[in-house]
Amino acid sequence: MTTEEVTDALSRLRALCLALPEATEKISHGEPTWFVRKVFVTFANRHHDDRVAFWCPAAPGVQEALASSDPRRFFRPPYVGVRGWVGVYLDVPDVDWDEVAELVVDAYRSVAPKRLVARLDGSAGARSDGST
């Protein structure tokens, strides 16, 4: 990936994460990381290999299902993979940003306080019916 492509992928991921209620960004372990009380997404710009990706918590079984169904796009990240986190490569030519958005929201839901998940559900409902 070129520097511009990495910057674009990071910008798109950042926009998805920061659109969620009370999400914040900090540098953690040298990488942009998004929090809602706890980490829900971390960017990995060649952090442990030569790939550009992000890591996020996933529901039980999701990591294994994704990584085994498409190892070109998904993997078990170091350190947090043992806790069910999934890694998603962003340096593939056909990144499915809708799927990335779903994984980011699912990761957020897994760590966010219930009141923020309720806010997310309320705002999603407002968007889907055309209101703001």
Protein backbone atom coordinates (compact mmCIF):
# COMPACT_ATOMS: atom_id res chain seq x y z
CA MET A 1 0.00 0.00 0.00
CA THR A 2 1.17 3.49 -0.74
CA THR A 3 1.28 6.10 2.00
CA GLU A 4 -1.79 7.73 0.45
CA GLU A 5 -3.71 4.42 0.50
CA VAL A 6 -2.80 3.85 4.16
CA THR A 7 -3.90 7.38 4.99
CA ASP A 8 -7.19 6.84 3.15
CA ALA A 9 -7.87 3.53 4.93
CA LEU A 10 -7.07 5.11 8.28
CA SER A 11 -9.34 8.09 7.51
CA ARG A 12 -12.23 5.82 6.58
CA LEU A 13 -11.76 3.66 9.67
CA ARG A 14 -11.45 6.75 11.88
CA ALA A 15 -14.71 8.18 10.50
CA LEU A 16 -16.55 4.92 11.24
CA CYS A 17 -15.22 4.74 14.79
CA LEU A 18 -15.68 8.38 15.73
CA ALA A 19 -19.27 8.40 14.45
CA LEU A 20 -20.21 6.18 17.39
CA PRO A 21 -21.50 7.71 20.65
CA GLU A 22 -18.73 8.99 22.94
CA ALA A 23 -15.97 7.21 21.01
CA THR A 24 -12.53 8.72 21.44
CA GLU A 25 -9.20 8.21 19.73
CA LYS A 26 -5.82 7.88 21.40
CA ILE A 27 -2.49 6.45 20.41
CA SER A 28 -1.93 3.10 22.09
CA HIS A 29 1.09 0.89 21.43
CA GLY A 30 2.09 3.36 18.72
CA GLU A 31 -1.14 3.03 16.71
CA PRO A 32 -4.41 4.98 16.48
CA THR A 33 -6.89 3.23 18.79
CA TRP A 34 -10.56 3.92 19.48
CA PHE A 35 -12.13 3.66 22.89
CA VAL A 36 -15.53 3.76 24.48
CA ARG A 37 -14.37 3.20 28.05
CA LYS A 38 -12.45 0.20 26.64
CA VAL A 39 -10.70 -0.39 23.33
CA PHE A 40 -13.02 -1.40 20.52
CA VAL A 41 -10.76 -0.94 17.46
CA THR A 42 -7.03 -0.58 16.97
CA PHE A 43 -5.30 0.25 13.71
CA ALA A 44 -2.28 -1.85 12.74
CA ASN A 45 -0.01 -0.17 10.20
CA ARG A 46 2.53 -2.94 9.68
CA HIS A 47 2.60 -3.22 13.49
CA HIS A 48 3.56 -6.89 13.69
CA ASP A 49 4.03 -7.75 10.03
CA ASP A 50 4.09 -6.02 6.66
CA ARG A 51 0.28 -5.68 6.46
CA VAL A 52 -2.17 -2.86 7.12
CA ALA A 53 -5.17 -3.93 9.15
CA PHE A 54 -7.33 -3.28 12.17
CA TRP A 55 -8.16 -5.46 15.15
CA CYS A 56 -11.42 -5.56 17.08
CA PRO A 57 -13.27 -7.74 19.57
CA ALA A 58 -15.80 -10.13 18.07
CA ALA A 59 -18.57 -12.35 19.37
CA PRO A 60 -17.64 -15.94 20.22
CA GLY A 61 -16.96 -17.95 17.07
CA VAL A 62 -16.80 -14.96 14.72
CA GLN A 63 -13.01 -14.79 14.56
CA GLU A 64 -12.72 -18.46 13.68
CA ALA A 65 -15.55 -18.31 11.14
CA LEU A 66 -14.15 -15.26 9.34
CA ALA A 67 -10.49 -16.31 9.39
CA SER A 68 -11.25 -19.81 8.16
CA SER A 69 -13.70 -18.66 5.48
CA ASP A 70 -11.44 -15.95 4.00
CA PRO A 71 -7.85 -15.87 5.35
CA ARG A 72 -6.95 -13.38 2.61
CA ARG A 73 -9.07 -10.79 4.46
CA PHE A 74 -9.31 -11.96 8.10
CA PHE A 75 -6.85 -13.29 10.68
CA ARG A 76 -6.25 -13.96 14.34
CA PRO A 77 -4.25 -10.97 15.60
CA PRO A 78 -1.32 -11.37 18.00
CA TYR A 79 -1.93 -10.88 21.75
CA VAL A 80 -5.69 -10.28 21.57
CA GLY A 81 -6.55 -13.11 19.19
CA VAL A 82 -6.70 -15.53 22.12
CA ARG A 83 -9.58 -13.43 23.47
CA GLY A 84 -11.59 -13.75 20.26
CA TRP A 85 -10.52 -10.53 18.55
CA VAL A 86 -10.50 -10.57 14.76
CA GLY A 87 -8.01 -8.92 12.46
CA VAL A 88 -9.20 -7.38 9.21
CA TYR A 89 -6.73 -6.62 6.43
CA LEU A 90 -7.17 -3.21 4.82
CA ASP A 91 -4.45 -3.70 2.21
CA VAL A 92 -6.51 -5.97 -0.03
CA PRO A 93 -7.82 -4.49 -3.28
CA ASP A 94 -11.48 -5.12 -2.52
CA VAL A 95 -12.08 -3.91 1.05
CA ASP A 96 -15.79 -4.22 1.81
CA TRP A 97 -16.34 -1.01 3.79
CA ASP A 98 -19.94 -1.96 4.59
CA GLU A 99 -18.63 -5.13 6.23
CA VAL A 100 -15.93 -3.13 8.01
CA ALA A 101 -18.63 -0.80 9.35
CA GLU A 102 -20.62 -3.78 10.66
CA LEU A 103 -17.57 -5.22 12.40
CA VAL A 104 -16.75 -1.82 13.96
CA VAL A 105 -20.30 -1.39 15.26
CA ASP A 106 -20.36 -4.96 16.60
CA ALA A 107 -17.04 -4.34 18.36
CA TYR A 108 -18.40 -1.11 19.84
CA ARG A 109 -21.52 -2.90 21.08
CA SER A 110 -19.37 -5.56 22.76
CA VAL A 111 -17.60 -3.04 25.03
CA ALA A 112 -19.85 0.04 25.25
CA PRO A 113 -22.03 0.68 28.29
CA LYS A 114 -25.68 -0.24 27.79
CA ARG A 115 -26.78 3.41 27.76
CA LEU A 116 -24.49 4.12 24.80
CA VAL A 117 -25.65 1.03 22.94
CA ALA A 118 -29.21 2.29 23.50
CA ARG A 119 -28.17 5.67 22.09
CA LEU A 120 -26.64 3.95 19.10
CA ASP A 121 -29.82 1.94 18.55
CA GLY A 122 -31.90 5.12 18.85
CA SER A 123 -29.78 7.04 16.36
CA ALA A 124 -29.74 4.08 13.96
CA GLY A 125 -33.50 3.95 14.12
CA ALA A 126 -33.72 7.67 13.44
CA ARG A 127 -31.48 7.37 10.39
CA SER A 128 -33.32 4.39 8.96
CA ASP A 129 -36.69 6.12 8.99
CA GLY A 130 -35.32 9.28 7.40
CA SER A 131 -35.35 11.53 10.47
CA THR A 132 -32.27 13.02 12.13
